Amino acid sequence: MPESITKPSTIENFMKANTSLRIGADSIKEFHTNLDIIAATITNESEKAAKAAGRNTIQPGDVKIAITAVTGSTSDLKHLFKQLEKLNAKSTADLSVMIQNWIDTN
């Protein structure tokens, strides 16, 4: 079993510090399981980015690339544009209508 990124008690403390609601034990377990999966995936994607750049050291930029790839973050305009390039003609037209509707209402 791979090493976990953190302990369940740390997750519980974090959650308690960020909500006034009670936290079920199953919720902590679910959070922990998914946090480990996300962390492992980001680590693997970071490694791929470093290797693709010809390095054997993961650097902050590799982590940023990995987080964007894993979370689908669109805060990175280059990533967003790459996603838009993948759209077919109909989806591009639909997006254009959505953008125009947003412009008209704002």
C-alpha atoms as a PDB file:
ATOM      1  CA  MET A   1       0.000   0.000   0.000  1.00  0.00           C
ATOM      2  CA  PRO A   2       1.472   3.402  -0.943  1.00  0.00           C
ATOM      3  CA  GLU A   3       2.204   5.872   1.782  1.00  0.00           C
ATOM      4  CA  SER A   4      -0.648   8.220   2.638  1.00  0.00           C
ATOM      5  CA  ILE A   5      -0.222  11.971   2.226  1.00  0.00           C
ATOM      6  CA  THR A   6      -1.573  12.630   5.723  1.00  0.00           C
ATOM      7  CA  LYS A   7      -3.258  11.120   8.759  1.00  0.00           C
ATOM      8  CA  PRO A   8      -7.019  10.920   9.287  1.00  0.00           C
ATOM      9  CA  SER A   9      -6.670  13.013  12.453  1.00  0.00           C
ATOM     10  CA  THR A  10      -5.048  15.816  10.433  1.00  0.00           C
ATOM     11  CA  ILE A  11      -7.958  15.771   7.988  1.00  0.00           C
ATOM     12  CA  GLU A  12     -10.446  15.810  10.847  1.00  0.00           C
ATOM     13  CA  ASN A  13      -8.677  18.786  12.459  1.00  0.00           C
ATOM     14  CA  PHE A  14      -8.570  20.608   9.119  1.00  0.00           C
ATOM     15  CA  MET A  15     -12.249  20.012   8.454  1.00  0.00           C
ATOM     16  CA  LYS A  16     -13.232  21.093  11.975  1.00  0.00           C
ATOM     17  CA  ALA A  17     -11.230  24.292  11.563  1.00  0.00           C
ATOM     18  CA  ASN A  18     -13.095  25.073   8.333  1.00  0.00           C
ATOM     19  CA  THR A  19     -16.694  24.268   9.227  1.00  0.00           C
ATOM     20  CA  SER A  20     -19.059  24.629  12.143  1.00  0.00           C
ATOM     21  CA  LEU A  21     -20.853  21.410  11.175  1.00  0.00           C
ATOM     22  CA  ARG A  22     -20.219  18.013  12.685  1.00  0.00           C
ATOM     23  CA  ILE A  23     -18.116  15.667  10.585  1.00  0.00           C
ATOM     24  CA  GLY A  24     -18.969  11.999  10.205  1.00  0.00           C
ATOM     25  CA  ALA A  25     -16.210   9.408  10.426  1.00  0.00           C
ATOM     26  CA  ASP A  26     -17.168   8.121   6.971  1.00  0.00           C
ATOM     27  CA  SER A  27     -16.693  11.640   5.598  1.00  0.00           C
ATOM     28  CA  ILE A  28     -13.155  11.769   6.953  1.00  0.00           C
ATOM     29  CA  LYS A  29     -12.410   8.367   5.422  1.00  0.00           C
ATOM     30  CA  GLU A  30     -13.863   9.456   2.039  1.00  0.00           C
ATOM     31  CA  PHE A  31     -11.858  12.714   2.125  1.00  0.00           C
ATOM     32  CA  HIS A  32      -8.682  10.812   3.046  1.00  0.00           C
ATOM     33  CA  THR A  33      -9.099   8.201   0.306  1.00  0.00           C
ATOM     34  CA  ASN A  34      -9.698  10.821  -2.373  1.00  0.00           C
ATOM     35  CA  LEU A  35      -6.926  13.104  -1.129  1.00  0.00           C
ATOM     36  CA  ASP A  36      -4.464  10.221  -1.458  1.00  0.00           C
ATOM     37  CA  ILE A  37      -5.668   9.487  -4.996  1.00  0.00           C
ATOM     38  CA  ILE A  38      -5.417  13.138  -6.030  1.00  0.00           C
ATOM     39  CA  ALA A  39      -1.978  13.555  -4.449  1.00  0.00           C
ATOM     40  CA  ALA A  40      -0.626  10.403  -6.117  1.00  0.00           C
ATOM     41  CA  THR A  41      -2.017  11.469  -9.485  1.00  0.00           C
ATOM     42  CA  ILE A  42      -0.524  14.965  -9.176  1.00  0.00           C
ATOM     43  CA  THR A  43       2.817  13.439  -8.227  1.00  0.00           C
ATOM     44  CA  ASN A  44       2.740  11.118 -11.263  1.00  0.00           C
ATOM     45  CA  GLU A  45       1.760  13.958 -13.616  1.00  0.00           C
ATOM     46  CA  SER A  46       4.514  16.142 -12.121  1.00  0.00           C
ATOM     47  CA  GLU A  47       7.024  13.388 -12.815  1.00  0.00           C
ATOM     48  CA  LYS A  48       5.832  13.146 -16.425  1.00  0.00           C
ATOM     49  CA  ALA A  49       6.207  16.914 -16.879  1.00  0.00           C
ATOM     50  CA  ALA A  50       9.729  16.893 -15.425  1.00  0.00           C
ATOM     51  CA  LYS A  51      10.773  13.959 -17.620  1.00  0.00           C
ATOM     52  CA  ALA A  52       9.241  15.603 -20.690  1.00  0.00           C
ATOM     53  CA  ALA A  53      11.424  18.634 -19.956  1.00  0.00           C
ATOM     54  CA  GLY A  54      14.473  16.360 -19.711  1.00  0.00           C
ATOM     55  CA  ARG A  55      14.908  16.797 -15.961  1.00  0.00           C
ATOM     56  CA  ASN A  56      15.152  14.359 -13.092  1.00  0.00           C
ATOM     57  CA  THR A  57      13.887  16.900 -10.552  1.00  0.00           C
ATOM     58  CA  ILE A  58      10.247  17.914 -10.149  1.00  0.00           C
ATOM     59  CA  GLN A  59      10.008  21.704 -10.068  1.00  0.00           C
ATOM     60  CA  PRO A  60       7.112  24.024  -9.087  1.00  0.00           C
ATOM     61  CA  GLY A  61       6.123  24.495 -12.722  1.00  0.00           C
ATOM     62  CA  ASP A  62       5.742  20.732 -13.094  1.00  0.00           C
ATOM     63  CA  VAL A  63       3.407  20.667 -10.107  1.00  0.00           C
ATOM     64  CA  LYS A  64       1.365  23.537 -11.562  1.00  0.00           C
ATOM     65  CA  ILE A  65       1.056  21.701 -14.879  1.00  0.00           C
ATOM     66  CA  ALA A  66       0.041  18.549 -13.026  1.00  0.00           C
ATOM     67  CA  ILE A  67      -2.577  20.280 -10.898  1.00  0.00           C
ATOM     68  CA  THR A  68      -4.077  21.879 -13.984  1.00  0.00           C
ATOM     69  CA  ALA A  69      -4.140  18.513 -15.764  1.00  0.00           C
ATOM     70  CA  VAL A  70      -5.682  16.713 -12.791  1.00  0.00           C
ATOM     71  CA  THR A  71      -8.228  19.297 -11.684  1.00  0.00           C
ATOM     72  CA  GLY A  72      -9.079  20.639 -15.102  1.00  0.00           C
ATOM     73  CA  SER A  73      -8.465  24.125 -13.798  1.00  0.00           C
ATOM     74  CA  THR A  74      -9.290  26.791 -16.322  1.00  0.00           C
ATOM     75  CA  SER A  75      -7.555  29.580 -14.450  1.00  0.00           C
ATOM     76  CA  ASP A  76      -4.563  28.931 -16.686  1.00  0.00           C
ATOM     77  CA  LEU A  77      -5.420  30.571 -20.026  1.00  0.00           C
ATOM     78  CA  LYS A  78      -3.055  28.331 -22.000  1.00  0.00           C
ATOM     79  CA  HIS A  79      -4.807  25.272 -20.586  1.00  0.00           C
ATOM     80  CA  LEU A  80      -8.220  26.775 -21.322  1.00  0.00           C
ATOM     81  CA  PHE A  81      -7.249  27.509 -24.925  1.00  0.00           C
ATOM     82  CA  LYS A  82      -5.991  23.942 -25.410  1.00  0.00           C
ATOM     83  CA  GLN A  83      -9.361  22.680 -24.165  1.00  0.00           C
ATOM     84  CA  LEU A  84     -11.188  25.006 -26.562  1.00  0.00           C
ATOM     85  CA  GLU A  85      -9.096  23.762 -29.481  1.00  0.00           C
ATOM     86  CA  LYS A  86     -10.437  20.258 -28.846  1.00  0.00           C
ATOM     87  CA  LEU A  87     -14.043  21.329 -29.472  1.00  0.00           C
ATOM     88  CA  ASN A  88     -15.764  20.296 -32.673  1.00  0.00           C
ATOM     89  CA  ALA A  89     -17.566  22.856 -34.857  1.00  0.00           C
ATOM     90  CA  LYS A  90     -20.982  22.383 -33.208  1.00  0.00           C
ATOM     91  CA  SER A  91     -19.583  22.688 -29.689  1.00  0.00           C
ATOM     92  CA  THR A  92     -17.635  25.781 -30.720  1.00  0.00           C
ATOM     93  CA  ALA A  93     -20.820  27.327 -32.128  1.00  0.00           C
ATOM     94  CA  ASP A  94     -22.732  26.443 -28.945  1.00  0.00           C
ATOM     95  CA  LEU A  95     -19.981  28.027 -26.858  1.00  0.00           C
ATOM     96  CA  SER A  96     -20.112  31.139 -29.016  1.00  0.00           C
ATOM     97  CA  VAL A  97     -23.858  31.461 -28.357  1.00  0.00           C
ATOM     98  CA  MET A  98     -23.320  30.989 -24.616  1.00  0.00           C
ATOM     99  CA  ILE A  99     -20.627  33.671 -24.562  1.00  0.00           C
ATOM    100  CA  GLN A 100     -22.779  36.070 -26.571  1.00  0.00           C
ATOM    101  CA  ASN A 101     -25.742  35.469 -24.213  1.00  0.00           C
ATOM    102  CA  TRP A 102     -23.486  36.176 -21.236  1.00  0.00           C
ATOM    103  CA  ILE A 103     -22.209  39.389 -22.851  1.00  0.00           C
ATOM    104  CA  ASP A 104     -25.782  40.495 -23.591  1.00  0.00           C
ATOM    105  CA  THR A 105     -26.876  39.983 -19.980  1.00  0.00           C
ATOM    106  CA  ASN A 106     -23.811  41.510 -18.345  1.00  0.00           C
END
